[in-house]
N, C-alpha and C. Protein backbone atom coordinates (compact mmCIF):
# COMPACT_ATOMS: atom_id res chain seq x y z
N MET A 1 70.89 118.01 87.56
CA MET A 1 70.95 117.26 88.79
C MET A 1 70.81 117.89 90.02
N ASP A 2 70.08 117.19 91.03
CA ASP A 2 69.70 117.32 92.45
C ASP A 2 70.95 118.10 92.86
N ILE A 3 70.72 119.27 93.43
CA ILE A 3 71.77 119.66 94.79
C ILE A 3 72.00 118.74 95.75
N ASN A 4 70.95 118.29 96.73
CA ASN A 4 71.04 116.92 97.40
C ASN A 4 72.43 115.94 96.80
N LEU A 5 71.86 115.64 95.90
CA LEU A 5 73.10 114.71 95.36
C LEU A 5 74.18 114.89 95.43
N LEU A 6 74.94 116.08 95.23
CA LEU A 6 75.95 116.65 94.70
C LEU A 6 76.50 116.85 96.21
N PHE A 7 75.61 117.39 97.29
CA PHE A 7 76.22 117.37 98.68
C PHE A 7 76.36 115.81 99.07
N LYS A 8 75.60 114.67 98.92
CA LYS A 8 75.78 113.62 99.09
C LYS A 8 77.46 112.93 98.80
N ILE A 9 77.33 113.01 97.19
CA ILE A 9 78.90 112.60 96.76
C ILE A 9 79.87 113.42 97.49
N ALA A 10 79.85 114.54 97.72
CA ALA A 10 80.84 115.06 98.30
C ALA A 10 80.88 114.71 99.62
N GLY A 11 80.02 114.55 100.49
CA GLY A 11 80.36 114.11 101.87
C GLY A 11 81.04 112.85 101.86
N ILE A 12 80.49 112.08 101.26
CA ILE A 12 81.16 110.49 101.15
C ILE A 12 82.27 111.03 100.71
N GLY A 13 82.70 111.58 99.76
CA GLY A 13 84.20 111.85 99.11
C GLY A 13 85.12 112.50 100.21
N ILE A 14 84.51 113.33 101.20
CA ILE A 14 85.37 113.66 102.17
C ILE A 14 85.88 112.60 103.45
N LEU A 15 84.71 111.99 103.36
CA LEU A 15 84.73 110.87 104.63
C LEU A 15 85.84 109.86 103.81
N VAL A 16 85.69 109.43 102.72
CA VAL A 16 86.71 108.44 102.47
C VAL A 16 88.10 109.11 101.93
N ALA A 17 88.18 110.34 102.13
CA ALA A 17 89.50 110.77 102.08
C ALA A 17 90.03 110.62 103.27
N VAL A 18 89.33 111.16 104.31
CA VAL A 18 89.97 111.08 105.75
C VAL A 18 90.01 109.81 105.63
N LEU A 19 89.42 108.90 106.10
CA LEU A 19 89.65 107.67 106.15
C LEU A 19 91.04 107.14 104.97
N TYR A 20 91.32 107.39 103.90
CA TYR A 20 92.19 107.21 103.60
C TYR A 20 93.57 107.35 103.83
N GLN A 21 93.49 108.43 104.20
CA GLN A 21 94.80 109.06 104.74
C GLN A 21 95.15 108.52 106.35
N VAL A 22 93.85 108.22 106.85
CA VAL A 22 94.29 107.35 108.39
C VAL A 22 94.79 106.13 108.04
N LEU A 23 94.28 105.48 107.13
CA LEU A 23 94.90 103.95 106.59
C LEU A 23 96.18 104.21 106.36
N VAL A 24 96.44 104.75 105.36
CA VAL A 24 97.80 105.16 105.16
C VAL A 24 98.88 105.25 106.11
N LYS A 25 98.52 106.17 106.75
CA LYS A 25 99.47 106.71 108.25
C LYS A 25 99.44 105.27 109.17
N ALA A 26 98.53 104.59 109.15
CA ALA A 26 98.90 103.46 110.03
C ALA A 26 99.69 102.15 109.10
N GLY A 27 99.96 102.41 107.81
CA GLY A 27 100.70 101.29 107.08
C GLY A 27 99.75 100.71 106.19
N ARG A 28 98.81 100.58 106.16
CA ARG A 28 97.63 99.81 105.67
C ARG A 28 97.09 100.27 104.46
N GLU A 29 98.16 100.31 103.44
CA GLU A 29 97.94 101.08 102.07
C GLU A 29 96.94 100.10 101.10
N ASP A 30 97.02 98.80 101.61
CA ASP A 30 96.14 97.96 100.58
C ASP A 30 94.47 98.19 100.88
N GLN A 31 94.16 98.14 102.42
CA GLN A 31 93.14 98.39 102.80
C GLN A 31 92.36 99.88 102.47
N ALA A 32 93.30 100.80 102.21
CA ALA A 32 93.12 102.31 101.75
C ALA A 32 92.64 102.36 100.55
N MET A 33 93.39 101.48 99.57
CA MET A 33 93.12 101.40 98.09
C MET A 33 91.79 100.61 98.03
N MET A 34 91.29 99.55 98.53
CA MET A 34 89.93 99.13 99.20
C MET A 34 88.95 100.22 99.13
N THR A 35 89.48 100.96 99.84
CA THR A 35 88.10 101.71 100.55
C THR A 35 87.94 102.84 99.17
N THR A 36 88.70 103.19 98.63
CA THR A 36 88.61 104.20 97.75
C THR A 36 87.72 103.41 96.39
N LEU A 37 88.10 101.92 96.27
CA LEU A 37 87.50 101.65 95.02
C LEU A 37 85.96 101.13 95.75
N ALA A 38 85.75 100.75 96.77
CA ALA A 38 84.25 100.88 97.43
C ALA A 38 83.34 102.06 97.37
N ARG A 39 83.72 102.99 97.77
CA ARG A 39 83.41 104.20 97.24
C ARG A 39 83.02 104.46 95.83
N SER A 40 83.68 104.19 94.99
CA SER A 40 83.88 104.42 93.87
C SER A 40 82.62 103.51 93.01
N ASN A 41 82.23 102.09 93.65
CA ASN A 41 81.45 101.67 93.28
C ASN A 41 80.13 101.85 93.72
N TYR A 42 80.27 102.35 95.33
CA TYR A 42 78.68 102.96 95.80
C TYR A 42 78.37 104.38 94.87
N CYS A 43 79.03 104.94 94.45
CA CYS A 43 78.71 106.42 93.94
C CYS A 43 78.34 105.88 92.49
N PHE A 44 78.86 104.96 91.82
CA PHE A 44 78.13 104.40 90.66
C PHE A 44 77.12 103.93 90.67
N ASN A 45 76.99 102.74 91.85
CA ASN A 45 75.67 102.17 91.79
C ASN A 45 74.29 102.99 92.46
N ASN A 46 74.55 104.06 92.93
CA ASN A 46 73.61 104.64 93.92
C ASN A 46 73.29 106.02 93.36
N CYS A 47 74.44 106.64 92.84
CA CYS A 47 74.15 108.13 92.33
C CYS A 47 74.06 107.92 90.71
N TYR A 48 74.82 107.57 89.94
CA TYR A 48 74.53 107.53 88.43
C TYR A 48 73.68 106.59 87.84
N LYS A 49 73.42 105.52 88.34
CA LYS A 49 72.47 104.47 87.97
C LYS A 49 70.73 105.09 88.07
N ARG A 50 70.88 105.45 88.98
CA ARG A 50 69.35 106.23 89.43
C ARG A 50 68.96 107.39 88.90
N ASN A 51 70.05 107.91 88.17
CA ASN A 51 69.82 109.45 87.68
C ASN A 51 69.85 109.40 85.89
N SER A 52 70.11 108.29 85.87
CA SER A 52 70.30 108.05 84.34
C SER A 52 69.24 107.84 83.33
N LYS A 53 69.17 108.19 82.59
CA LYS A 53 67.64 107.63 81.60
C LYS A 53 67.89 106.62 80.93
N PHE A 54 69.07 106.16 80.63
CA PHE A 54 69.59 105.45 79.69
C PHE A 54 69.74 103.61 80.25
N ILE A 55 70.05 104.19 81.27
CA ILE A 55 70.39 102.48 82.08
C ILE A 55 68.60 102.01 82.39
């Protein structure tokens, strides 16, 4: 696995974690949950599928 890919995933994870905390503190738990789901979908589509030899 390429190290740049790991840094991209970690960077997105940190950004989403901060955004999640901001949204929870603002009382928008539903939008915070949708943010984490969008991140999971993004990582699956862009990171795992591109590097999988079986898909």
